[in-house]
Protein backbone atom coordinates (compact mmCIF):
# COMPACT_ATOMS: atom_id res chain seq x y z
CA MET A 1 32.50 17.79 -61.30
CA ASN A 2 36.28 17.55 -61.38
CA SER A 3 38.17 15.02 -63.50
CA LEU A 4 38.46 12.47 -60.67
CA GLU A 5 34.68 12.48 -60.14
CA ILE A 6 33.99 12.22 -63.88
CA VAL A 7 36.33 9.24 -64.31
CA ARG A 8 34.99 7.60 -61.14
CA ALA A 9 31.41 7.87 -62.39
CA HIS A 10 32.42 6.36 -65.75
CA ILE A 11 34.24 3.42 -64.14
CA VAL A 12 31.43 2.72 -61.68
CA GLU A 13 28.84 2.78 -64.47
CA ASN A 14 30.79 0.86 -67.12
CA PHE A 15 33.04 -1.53 -65.21
CA LEU A 16 31.47 -1.94 -61.76
CA PHE A 17 27.83 -1.92 -62.91
CA GLY A 18 26.82 0.70 -60.36
CA ASP A 19 28.64 -0.82 -57.37
CA ASP A 20 30.75 2.07 -56.09
CA SER A 21 31.83 0.26 -52.91
CA ARG A 22 34.91 -1.26 -54.61
CA ILE A 23 36.58 1.97 -55.69
CA GLY A 24 38.34 4.78 -53.86
CA PRO A 25 40.68 7.51 -55.05
CA ASP A 26 43.78 5.34 -54.67
CA THR A 27 42.30 1.90 -55.49
CA ASP A 28 44.69 0.02 -57.79
CA PHE A 29 42.57 -0.93 -60.81
CA MET A 30 44.65 -3.94 -61.82
CA GLU A 31 45.19 -5.41 -58.36
CA SER A 32 41.50 -5.04 -57.49
CA GLY A 33 40.38 -6.55 -60.80
CA ILE A 34 38.42 -3.45 -61.82
CA LEU A 35 40.23 -3.13 -65.16
CA ASP A 36 42.08 -5.53 -67.41
CA SER A 37 44.07 -4.61 -70.52
CA THR A 38 40.93 -4.29 -72.63
CA GLY A 39 39.31 -2.14 -69.96
CA VAL A 40 42.32 0.18 -69.96
CA LEU A 41 41.95 0.67 -73.72
CA GLU A 42 38.25 1.43 -73.29
CA LEU A 43 39.10 3.90 -70.53
CA VAL A 44 41.70 5.61 -72.72
CA GLY A 45 39.08 6.12 -75.44
CA PHE A 46 36.78 7.70 -72.87
CA LEU A 47 39.54 9.98 -71.55
CA GLU A 48 40.50 11.14 -75.03
CA GLU A 49 36.91 11.92 -75.95
CA LYS A 50 35.78 13.44 -72.66
CA PHE A 51 38.84 15.54 -71.90
CA GLY A 52 40.07 16.30 -75.42
CA ILE A 53 43.49 14.79 -74.83
CA ARG A 54 45.65 12.37 -76.77
CA VAL A 55 47.09 9.48 -74.76
CA GLU A 56 50.37 8.46 -76.34
CA ASP A 57 51.48 4.81 -76.27
CA GLU A 58 54.42 5.59 -73.97
CA GLU A 59 51.98 7.22 -71.50
CA LEU A 60 50.02 3.96 -71.03
CA VAL A 61 51.81 3.06 -67.83
CA PRO A 62 50.50 2.28 -64.33
CA ASP A 63 51.85 5.60 -63.02
CA ASN A 64 49.30 7.36 -65.26
CA MET A 65 46.37 4.95 -65.47
CA ASN A 66 46.14 2.67 -62.43
CA SER A 67 43.95 4.68 -60.01
CA LEU A 68 41.55 7.60 -60.00
CA GLU A 69 44.14 9.88 -58.40
CA LYS A 70 46.78 8.95 -60.99
CA ILE A 71 44.36 9.54 -63.87
CA ALA A 72 43.21 12.89 -62.47
CA LEU A 73 46.83 14.02 -62.11
CA TYR A 74 47.65 12.76 -65.62
CA ILE A 75 44.69 14.67 -67.11
CA SER A 76 45.74 17.82 -65.28
CA LYS A 77 49.27 17.54 -66.62
CA LYS A 78 47.98 16.93 -70.17
CA ASN A 79 45.75 20.00 -69.92
CA GLY A 80 48.58 22.06 -68.48
CA LYS A 81 46.93 22.74 -65.15
CA ILE A 82 46.84 21.02 -61.80
CA GLN A 83 43.34 20.40 -60.47
CA PRO A 84 42.58 19.65 -56.83
CA PHE A 85 41.22 16.19 -56.10
């Protein structure tokens, strides 16, 4: 599984209660109501643990955390490699 699939599975299980019909690679988490500010913090904890990265406060911006594609790209950058989606 690549990072996008791993994060997608986590969000579907923990925030959408198994309903994967509401999320696509470019679904905006905030606009669609999938995540709120508390959900973002929970997601950051998951990302740090699962991918061994440290998310800095200044990196908590929509450009990094507001869709599966953006998160996958962010993780790739943090790990120093670009992964295909």
